[in-house]
Amino acid sequence: QCQFQFDKIIEQNESAFLTWKMHLIHPKLNRGQPIVVSGASHIEFADNAVIYHRDYFDLGEMLYEQIPLLGSLINLIKRNLTK
């Protein structure tokens, strides 16, 4: 299950930049509990069609941190880096 919550949409000429939160539930990630991943998309248009679309998000936040042993290690490293 995957849903997007759009926070900001900035349009200029034939281009748009969107910030969003992806709400994801997958039975093999985070023990089936919801995961929220922040991200952004850059979209370009021409003749009422999308000609370019690129998403930016932290794959570690979505996937690697949800794997039991690897996630614990990543969170330990993050805590130590912020001290």
Protein backbone atom coordinates (compact mmCIF):
# COMPACT_ATOMS: atom_id res chain seq x y z
CA GLN A 1 0.00 0.00 0.00
CA CYS A 2 1.39 3.40 -0.96
CA GLN A 3 -0.11 6.89 -0.73
CA PHE A 4 1.37 10.33 -1.30
CA GLN A 5 0.70 13.52 0.64
CA PHE A 6 1.81 16.56 -1.34
CA ASP A 7 3.13 19.43 0.78
CA LYS A 8 4.26 22.11 -1.67
CA ILE A 9 3.94 22.59 -5.41
CA ILE A 10 6.02 25.26 -7.11
CA GLU A 11 5.39 25.90 -10.81
CA GLN A 12 7.40 28.07 -13.16
CA ASN A 13 7.06 28.14 -16.93
CA GLU A 14 6.98 24.51 -18.08
CA SER A 15 8.43 23.07 -14.88
CA ALA A 16 7.21 22.07 -11.42
CA PHE A 17 8.86 21.06 -8.16
CA LEU A 18 6.80 19.12 -5.61
CA THR A 19 7.61 18.09 -2.05
CA TRP A 20 5.77 15.10 -0.63
CA LYS A 21 5.57 12.41 1.99
CA MET A 22 5.12 8.81 0.90
CA HIS A 23 3.13 6.65 3.32
CA LEU A 24 4.15 3.07 2.60
CA ILE A 25 3.05 -0.24 4.09
CA HIS A 26 4.85 -3.39 2.95
CA PRO A 27 4.62 -6.72 4.78
CA LYS A 28 8.40 -7.27 4.60
CA LEU A 29 9.46 -3.81 5.76
CA ASN A 30 9.20 -2.48 9.32
CA ARG A 31 7.20 -5.56 10.36
CA GLY A 32 4.32 -4.40 8.17
CA GLN A 33 4.00 -1.10 10.06
CA PRO A 34 3.69 2.23 8.19
CA ILE A 35 6.82 3.97 6.93
CA VAL A 36 6.83 7.68 6.07
CA VAL A 37 9.47 8.87 3.60
CA SER A 38 9.94 12.52 2.63
CA GLY A 39 10.85 13.33 -0.94
CA ALA A 40 10.62 15.71 -3.87
CA SER A 41 9.85 15.49 -7.57
CA HIS A 42 11.00 17.60 -10.50
CA ILE A 43 8.63 17.53 -13.47
CA GLU A 44 8.86 19.23 -16.87
CA PHE A 45 6.02 19.65 -19.36
CA ALA A 46 5.64 20.27 -23.07
CA ASP A 47 2.42 20.29 -25.11
CA ASN A 48 0.35 19.30 -22.03
CA ALA A 49 2.45 16.17 -21.48
CA VAL A 50 5.12 15.24 -18.94
CA ILE A 51 8.48 15.03 -20.73
CA TYR A 52 10.69 14.66 -17.65
CA HIS A 53 10.07 13.28 -14.15
CA ARG A 54 12.68 12.64 -11.48
CA ASP A 55 12.06 11.74 -7.84
CA TYR A 56 14.48 12.45 -5.01
CA PHE A 57 14.21 10.60 -1.69
CA ASP A 58 16.33 8.83 0.89
CA LEU A 59 16.40 5.14 -0.06
CA GLY A 60 17.99 4.40 3.32
CA GLU A 61 14.97 5.86 5.10
CA MET A 62 12.61 3.79 2.95
CA LEU A 63 14.46 0.49 2.75
CA TYR A 64 17.80 0.05 4.51
CA GLU A 65 16.66 1.40 7.89
CA GLN A 66 13.72 -1.04 7.84
CA ILE A 67 15.92 -4.16 7.66
CA PRO A 68 16.32 -5.41 11.27
CA LEU A 69 20.12 -5.68 11.76
CA LEU A 70 21.12 -3.15 9.13
CA GLY A 71 18.54 -0.63 10.37
CA SER A 72 19.87 -0.84 13.93
CA LEU A 73 23.41 -0.24 12.70
CA ILE A 74 22.38 2.74 10.56
CA ASN A 75 20.42 4.31 13.43
CA LEU A 76 23.43 3.83 15.77
CA ILE A 77 25.70 5.56 13.25
CA LYS A 78 23.21 8.43 12.81
CA ARG A 79 22.93 8.95 16.58
CA ASN A 80 26.73 9.04 16.94
CA LEU A 81 27.10 11.52 14.07
CA THR A 82 24.69 13.99 15.69
CA LYS A 83 26.59 14.12 19.02
